[in-house]
Amino acid sequence: MLLSVEQKVGLFFLAAILALGLMVELIEDWRPFENQYAYKAYFNSSVGLRKGDPVRIAGVEMGKVKNISIEENRVRVDFFITEPNSIREDTVAQIQQTNMLGGIFLGLDFGSAEQPFLSTGDEVQTTESASFAELISNLDRNQDRVLRPLGDMVDQSQKPLVDAINRLDVILTKIDQGHGTLGLLVNNPSLYEELTVMTNRMNSLLGQIESGQGSFGRMLNDSALYDNLNQSIISLAELTEQIHSGKGTLGKLLNDNQLYDQSVRTMQNLGNITAQVSQGEGTLGKFYHDETLYDNLNETLSRVNSIVTKIDEGQGTIGRLVNEDNLYREAKTTLHKVEKAVDGISDTGPLSALGIVIGTLF
């Protein structure tokens, strides 16, 4: 059966595609013009790492994994890098992930700058990394460790929480029905109106104070009050300094030791006098202890009181002098006559003066 031209062309393109796929699969790592420096590393596990995965130094892709095999109960990973003198003796290799969804690669660090470089084919130090399955397992364990006590606490506090919610519902119901003080505040409109009036009055009062009205407003807004208060404080400070330095009477009272000594001596003398009086020494001591003196004084006061009573009642000469007006008028008349007689004496001789006095008086 002869093929048409269209069929031949289609078969040719199909063969070309198959050949291209075979070449990509077989010679993927064939780089005839690229230098490759081979190394090896051993791991206890290489879960997820495959042949052809990238090799990265500090995150920069520098090569690929050539082969993964088992050697003496360990996983041997053969890899190459394209740059010479890039791996040092203390460089550490680790199987790492680019993200949580996969993307495994062989990661290397720089190592210490003072360490020499490894030769091609040498073994690189390794460190094991946690696999994704281990991370999930650890996460499950930590989650159980954290959430289990939290769940137990929720279970234990469920009944008290329900009781608290029920009580809160009862309280809110009472408030909504207008019971209690808070219920009245919520439901009584007159309280709102009173509160509004009080607020308006408070705002008015604050406005007056802010504008300087009233005593309190003047106290807050008048700078003269501040100046006076400041001056008073300054004066008080100066007075305190003067007292501290011993100036003035108060300063001397506070700073002069002689006054203190005199006060001590005065108190001692007063104590001695008090002791003498208590012992009955001296006039005051005898007056304090001798009852006879008290009786005599009491008797004397009684007599004086009797005399004063008689004088007040008009008895005796002094009583009549104090209580009768006739004696006062007669004495005044007599003094008036004596005054006339004295005036007449100054104008006459001795005998005439004597006669005038006698005639005036009698």
Protein backbone atom coordinates (compact mmCIF):
# COMPACT_ATOMS: atom_id res chain seq x y z
CA MET A 1 0.00 0.00 0.00
CA LEU A 2 1.45 3.24 -1.10
CA LEU A 3 1.45 6.16 1.34
CA SER A 4 0.35 9.53 0.28
CA VAL A 5 2.50 12.59 0.65
CA GLU A 6 0.44 13.84 3.60
CA GLN A 7 0.85 10.51 5.40
CA LYS A 8 4.59 10.49 4.80
CA VAL A 9 4.90 14.03 6.19
CA GLY A 10 2.86 13.10 9.28
CA LEU A 11 4.95 10.00 9.94
CA PHE A 12 8.10 12.06 9.59
CA PHE A 13 6.99 14.63 12.15
CA LEU A 14 5.91 11.86 14.52
CA ALA A 15 9.31 10.17 14.24
CA ALA A 16 11.04 13.52 14.75
CA ILE A 17 9.06 14.18 17.96
CA LEU A 18 9.86 10.69 19.29
CA ALA A 19 13.54 11.16 18.51
CA LEU A 20 13.58 14.56 20.20
CA GLY A 21 11.98 13.14 23.37
CA LEU A 22 14.47 10.29 23.41
CA MET A 23 17.38 12.68 23.06
CA VAL A 24 16.06 14.90 25.92
CA GLU A 25 15.66 11.86 28.15
CA LEU A 26 19.01 10.30 27.37
CA ILE A 27 21.33 13.30 27.12
CA GLU A 28 19.67 15.67 29.66
CA ASP A 29 22.88 15.92 31.65
CA TRP A 30 25.19 15.81 28.68
CA ARG A 31 27.16 19.03 28.69
CA PRO A 32 30.24 18.55 26.55
CA PHE A 33 31.57 22.08 27.16
CA GLU A 34 30.95 22.28 30.95
CA ASN A 35 33.49 21.35 33.66
CA GLN A 36 32.12 19.06 36.36
CA TYR A 37 33.80 18.51 39.74
CA ALA A 38 32.44 15.37 41.43
CA TYR A 39 31.96 14.86 45.20
CA LYS A 40 30.09 12.43 47.42
CA ALA A 41 28.10 12.62 50.64
CA TYR A 42 26.53 10.00 52.95
CA PHE A 43 23.11 10.28 54.66
CA ASN A 44 21.01 8.05 56.86
CA SER A 45 18.01 8.88 54.69
CA SER A 46 17.43 10.74 51.44
CA VAL A 47 13.64 10.85 51.33
CA GLY A 48 12.49 12.95 48.37
CA LEU A 49 15.92 13.49 46.82
CA ARG A 50 16.19 12.23 43.25
CA LYS A 51 18.79 12.00 40.54
CA GLY A 52 19.03 15.28 38.68
CA ASP A 53 17.94 17.45 41.62
CA PRO A 54 19.92 20.68 41.94
CA VAL A 55 22.92 21.21 44.19
CA ARG A 56 22.98 24.70 45.71
CA ILE A 57 25.67 26.53 47.64
CA ALA A 58 24.10 29.15 49.91
CA GLY A 59 20.96 28.99 47.75
CA VAL A 60 22.75 29.43 44.42
CA GLU A 61 22.48 26.49 42.02
CA MET A 62 26.01 25.23 41.32
CA GLY A 63 25.46 21.62 40.11
CA LYS A 64 23.23 18.53 40.14
CA VAL A 65 22.84 15.16 41.83
CA LYS A 66 24.37 12.45 39.57
CA ASN A 67 23.49 9.28 41.41
CA ILE A 68 21.86 7.96 44.63
CA SER A 69 22.81 4.50 45.93
CA ILE A 70 23.07 2.37 49.08
CA GLU A 71 26.52 1.77 50.54
CA GLU A 72 27.15 0.07 53.89
CA ASN A 73 23.70 0.82 55.36
CA ARG A 74 23.96 4.44 54.31
CA VAL A 75 22.71 6.45 51.36
CA ARG A 76 25.47 7.63 49.09
CA VAL A 77 24.76 10.73 47.05
CA ASP A 78 27.12 11.52 44.18
CA PHE A 79 26.93 15.05 42.85
CA PHE A 80 28.98 17.54 40.88
CA ILE A 81 29.43 21.29 40.83
CA THR A 82 30.57 23.45 37.96
CA GLU A 83 32.91 25.79 39.85
CA PRO A 84 36.29 24.66 41.20
CA ASN A 85 37.44 25.42 44.73
CA SER A 86 33.93 25.92 46.07
CA ILE A 87 33.75 23.26 48.81
CA ARG A 88 35.96 23.42 51.91
CA GLU A 89 36.79 20.70 54.43
CA ASP A 90 34.21 21.96 56.98
CA THR A 91 31.46 22.49 54.39
CA VAL A 92 28.27 20.69 55.48
CA ALA A 93 25.73 19.17 53.07
CA GLN A 94 22.04 18.80 53.94
CA ILE A 95 18.93 17.69 52.07
CA GLN A 96 16.59 20.70 52.09
CA GLN A 97 13.20 21.72 50.74
CA THR A 98 12.42 24.86 48.78
CA ASN A 99 8.80 24.97 50.05
CA MET A 100 6.16 22.90 51.86
CA LEU A 101 4.92 21.42 48.58
CA GLY A 102 8.18 19.74 47.64
CA GLY A 103 11.19 20.99 45.69
CA ILE A 104 14.03 18.93 47.21
CA PHE A 105 17.66 19.95 46.66
CA LEU A 106 21.09 19.26 48.13
CA GLY A 107 22.22 22.35 50.03
CA LEU A 108 25.83 23.24 50.92
CA ASP A 109 27.23 26.06 53.03
CA PHE A 110 30.45 28.01 52.41
CA GLY A 111 32.49 26.61 55.29
CA SER A 112 35.24 28.53 57.06
CA ALA A 113 37.51 30.78 55.04
CA GLU A 114 40.63 29.44 56.79
CA GLN A 115 39.90 25.81 55.84
CA PRO A 116 41.42 24.36 52.66
CA PHE A 117 39.32 23.26 49.67
CA LEU A 118 38.37 19.62 49.08
CA SER A 119 39.77 17.78 46.14
CA THR A 120 37.55 16.28 43.47
CA GLY A 121 35.97 13.01 44.61
CA ASP A 122 36.37 13.75 48.37
CA GLU A 123 33.58 13.17 50.88
CA VAL A 124 31.59 16.15 52.16
CA GLN A 125 30.36 16.30 55.75
CA THR A 126 26.60 15.97 56.18
CA THR A 127 23.86 16.71 58.69
CA GLU A 128 20.46 15.07 58.77
CA SER A 129 17.38 17.19 58.17
CA ALA A 130 13.86 16.52 59.34
CA SER A 131 11.62 15.17 56.60
CA PHE A 132 8.20 16.53 55.86
CA ALA A 133 6.62 13.46 57.45
CA GLU A 134 8.62 14.07 60.65
CA LEU A 135 7.57 17.70 60.66
CA ILE A 136 3.93 16.65 60.35
CA SER A 137 4.39 14.11 63.14
CA ASN A 138 6.05 16.69 65.42
CA LEU A 139 3.30 19.14 64.59
CA ASP A 140 0.68 16.56 65.53
CA ARG A 141 2.45 15.81 68.82
CA ASN A 142 2.82 19.51 69.67
CA GLN A 143 -0.77 20.16 68.68
CA ASP A 144 -1.95 17.35 70.91
CA ARG A 145 0.26 18.61 73.74
CA VAL A 146 -1.15 22.14 73.49
CA LEU A 147 -4.76 21.51 72.52
CA ARG A 148 -5.46 18.60 74.87
CA PRO A 149 -5.04 20.69 78.08
CA LEU A 150 -6.99 23.46 76.40
CA GLY A 151 -9.81 21.06 75.59
CA ASP A 152 -9.77 19.72 79.15
CA MET A 153 -9.92 23.26 80.50
CA VAL A 154 -12.86 24.06 78.20
CA ASP A 155 -14.65 20.91 79.36
CA GLN A 156 -14.07 21.77 83.01
CA SER A 157 -15.21 25.37 82.60
CA GLN A 158 -18.20 24.58 80.41
CA LYS A 159 -20.73 24.36 83.26
CA PRO A 160 -19.54 27.53 85.08
CA LEU A 161 -19.52 29.33 81.74
CA VAL A 162 -23.08 28.23 80.99
CA ASP A 163 -24.17 29.29 84.48
CA ALA A 164 -22.51 32.69 84.03
CA ILE A 165 -24.24 33.17 80.67
CA ASN A 166 -27.59 32.25 82.21
CA ARG A 167 -27.08 34.70 85.08
CA LEU A 168 -26.06 37.40 82.62
CA ASP A 169 -29.23 36.72 80.63
CA VAL A 170 -31.32 37.08 83.81
CA ILE A 171 -29.60 40.36 84.67
CA LEU A 172 -30.13 41.73 81.17
CA THR A 173 -33.79 40.71 81.33
CA LYS A 174 -34.26 42.60 84.60
CA ILE A 175 -32.52 45.64 83.19
CA ASP A 176 -34.71 45.51 80.09
CA GLN A 177 -37.83 45.31 82.30
CA GLY A 178 -36.71 48.36 84.30
CA HIS A 179 -35.85 46.62 87.56
CA GLY A 180 -33.14 48.01 89.80
CA THR A 181 -31.11 51.21 89.50
CA LEU A 182 -29.53 50.29 86.18
CA GLY A 183 -32.93 49.28 84.82
CA LEU A 184 -34.36 52.67 85.77
CA LEU A 185 -31.41 54.42 84.17
CA VAL A 186 -32.00 52.50 80.94
CA ASN A 187 -35.79 52.72 80.80
CA ASN A 188 -36.76 55.93 82.65
CA PRO A 189 -36.70 58.92 80.24
CA SER A 190 -36.95 61.44 83.10
CA LEU A 191 -33.51 60.39 84.32
CA TYR A 192 -32.15 61.08 80.85
CA GLU A 193 -33.80 64.52 80.85
CA GLU A 194 -32.40 65.30 84.32
CA LEU A 195 -28.98 64.14 83.21
CA THR A 196 -29.26 66.36 80.13
CA VAL A 197 -30.25 69.37 82.26
CA MET A 198 -27.39 68.70 84.66
CA THR A 199 -24.98 68.38 81.76
CA ASN A 200 -26.18 71.68 80.30
CA ARG A 201 -25.75 73.37 83.66
CA MET A 202 -22.30 71.90 84.02
CA ASN A 203 -21.36 73.13 80.55
CA SER A 204 -22.71 76.59 81.41
CA LEU A 205 -20.75 76.63 84.66
CA LEU A 206 -17.57 75.53 82.91
CA GLY A 207 -18.14 78.21 80.27
CA GLN A 208 -18.43 80.87 82.96
CA ILE A 209 -15.30 79.61 84.67
CA GLU A 210 -13.43 79.56 81.36
CA SER A 211 -14.53 83.14 80.60
CA GLY A 212 -13.27 84.29 84.02
CA GLN A 213 -16.63 84.90 85.68
CA GLY A 214 -17.05 84.36 89.40
CA SER A 215 -14.42 83.81 92.07
CA PHE A 216 -13.29 80.45 90.74
CA GLY A 217 -13.09 81.78 87.19
CA ARG A 218 -10.96 84.71 88.33
CA MET A 219 -8.72 82.32 90.23
CA LEU A 220 -8.14 80.29 87.06
CA ASN A 221 -7.81 83.17 84.59
CA ASP A 222 -6.39 86.11 86.54
CA SER A 223 -2.65 86.21 86.16
CA ALA A 224 -2.38 88.66 89.06
CA LEU A 225 -3.34 85.88 91.45
CA TYR A 226 -0.52 83.76 90.10
CA ASP A 227 1.90 86.68 90.41
CA ASN A 228 0.81 87.33 93.99
CA LEU A 229 1.11 83.67 94.87
CA ASN A 230 4.52 83.52 93.24
CA GLN A 231 5.62 86.63 95.12
CA SER A 232 4.30 85.16 98.37
CA ILE A 233 6.28 81.99 97.78
CA ILE A 234 9.40 84.07 97.05
CA SER A 235 8.86 86.12 100.21
CA LEU A 236 8.31 82.94 102.22
CA ALA A 237 11.53 81.52 100.84
CA GLU A 238 13.40 84.71 101.77
CA LEU A 239 11.87 84.64 105.26
CA THR A 240 12.86 81.01 105.68
CA GLU A 241 16.40 81.83 104.58
CA GLN A 242 16.59 84.70 107.08
CA ILE A 243 15.30 82.47 109.87
CA HIS A 244 17.78 79.78 108.91
CA SER A 245 20.62 82.34 108.93
CA GLY A 246 19.60 83.54 112.42
CA LYS A 247 18.25 86.97 111.45
CA GLY A 248 15.32 88.54 113.31
CA THR A 249 13.64 87.48 116.53
CA LEU A 250 12.40 84.14 115.20
CA GLY A 251 15.80 83.38 113.70
CA LYS A 252 17.47 84.04 117.02
CA LEU A 253 14.87 81.90 118.79
CA LEU A 254 15.67 79.01 116.46
CA ASN A 255 19.44 79.43 116.24
CA ASP A 256 20.60 80.99 119.54
CA ASN A 257 21.75 78.28 121.95
CA GLN A 258 21.86 80.80 124.80
CA LEU A 259 18.08 81.14 124.68
CA TYR A 260 17.79 77.38 124.89
CA ASP A 261 20.14 77.30 127.89
CA GLN A 262 18.14 80.07 129.62
CA SER A 263 14.92 78.18 128.92
CA VAL A 264 16.43 75.07 130.47
CA ARG A 265 17.54 77.02 133.54
CA THR A 266 14.10 78.67 133.80
CA MET A 267 12.43 75.28 133.66
CA GLN A 268 14.82 74.01 136.33
CA ASN A 269 14.08 77.00 138.59
CA LEU A 270 10.36 76.55 137.98
CA GLY A 271 10.75 72.91 138.93
CA ASN A 272 12.60 73.88 142.13
CA ILE A 273 9.89 76.42 143.01
CA THR A 274 7.21 73.84 142.38
CA ALA A 275 9.07 71.38 144.57
CA GLN A 276 9.37 73.96 147.38
CA VAL A 277 5.68 74.82 147.12
CA SER A 278 4.85 71.11 147.19
CA GLN A 279 6.99 70.72 150.33
CA GLY A 280 5.29 73.71 152.03
CA GLU A 281 8.31 76.01 151.98
CA GLY A 282 7.86 79.79 151.71
CA THR A 283 4.70 81.89 151.75
CA LEU A 284 3.20 80.25 148.69
CA GLY A 285 4.01 76.82 150.08
CA LYS A 286 2.36 77.65 153.37
CA PHE A 287 -0.63 79.10 151.53
CA TYR A 288 -0.84 75.85 149.52
CA HIS A 289 -0.56 73.54 152.56
CA ASP A 290 -1.82 75.54 155.65
CA GLU A 291 -5.58 75.18 155.99
CA THR A 292 -5.65 77.83 158.74
CA LEU A 293 -4.58 80.47 156.24
CA TYR A 294 -7.35 79.28 153.95
CA ASP A 295 -9.88 79.53 156.79
CA ASN A 296 -8.66 83.02 157.73
CA LEU A 297 -8.84 84.14 154.13
CA ASN A 298 -12.31 82.65 153.81
CA GLU A 299 -13.39 84.43 157.04
CA THR A 300 -11.89 87.71 155.80
CA LEU A 301 -13.71 87.40 152.51
CA SER A 302 -16.92 86.73 154.40
CA ARG A 303 -16.47 89.90 156.46
CA VAL A 304 -15.64 91.96 153.39
CA ASN A 305 -18.75 90.59 151.75
CA SER A 306 -20.80 91.58 154.84
CA ILE A 307 -19.37 95.10 154.81
CA VAL A 308 -20.05 95.49 151.10
CA THR A 309 -23.60 94.25 151.67
CA LYS A 310 -24.16 96.85 154.43
CA ILE A 311 -22.72 99.61 152.25
CA ASP A 312 -24.95 98.52 149.39
CA GLU A 313 -27.96 98.62 151.77
CA GLY A 314 -27.04 102.17 152.95
CA GLN A 315 -25.96 101.27 156.48
CA GLY A 316 -23.29 103.32 158.22
CA THR A 317 -21.53 106.49 157.10
CA ILE A 318 -20.00 104.99 153.95
CA GLY A 319 -23.33 103.35 153.10
CA ARG A 320 -25.14 106.72 153.43
CA LEU A 321 -22.40 108.39 151.37
CA VAL A 322 -22.83 105.79 148.64
CA ASN A 323 -26.61 105.61 148.63
CA GLU A 324 -27.99 109.05 149.78
CA ASP A 325 -28.02 111.99 147.35
CA ASN A 326 -28.60 114.62 150.13
CA LEU A 327 -25.06 114.32 151.41
CA TYR A 328 -23.78 114.74 147.85
CA ARG A 329 -25.91 117.89 147.37
CA GLU A 330 -24.91 119.33 150.77
CA ALA A 331 -21.25 118.65 150.09
CA LYS A 332 -21.61 120.31 146.70
CA THR A 333 -23.30 123.37 148.30
CA THR A 334 -20.59 123.63 150.94
CA LEU A 335 -17.86 123.43 148.33
CA HIS A 336 -19.64 126.17 146.38
CA LYS A 337 -19.71 128.39 149.47
CA VAL A 338 -16.02 127.72 150.16
CA GLU A 339 -15.23 128.71 146.60
CA LYS A 340 -17.06 132.04 147.09
CA ALA A 341 -15.27 132.61 150.37
CA VAL A 342 -11.92 132.02 148.74
CA ASP A 343 -12.77 134.53 146.05
CA GLY A 344 -13.70 137.10 148.75
CA ILE A 345 -10.51 136.52 150.72
CA SER A 346 -8.39 137.54 147.78
CA ASP A 347 -10.01 141.02 147.81
CA THR A 348 -9.98 141.83 151.64
CA GLY A 349 -7.62 141.73 154.59
CA PRO A 350 -7.10 138.89 157.01
CA LEU A 351 -9.70 139.98 159.57
CA SER A 352 -12.22 140.75 156.95
CA ALA A 353 -11.48 137.46 155.28
CA LEU A 354 -12.03 135.63 158.55
CA GLY A 355 -15.33 137.38 159.03
CA ILE A 356 -16.40 136.59 155.51
CA VAL A 357 -15.56 132.91 155.93
CA ILE A 358 -17.44 132.71 159.20
CA GLY A 359 -20.37 134.54 157.74
CA THR A 360 -20.38 132.39 154.66
CA LEU A 361 -20.25 129.13 156.53
CA PHE A 362 -22.74 130.07 159.26
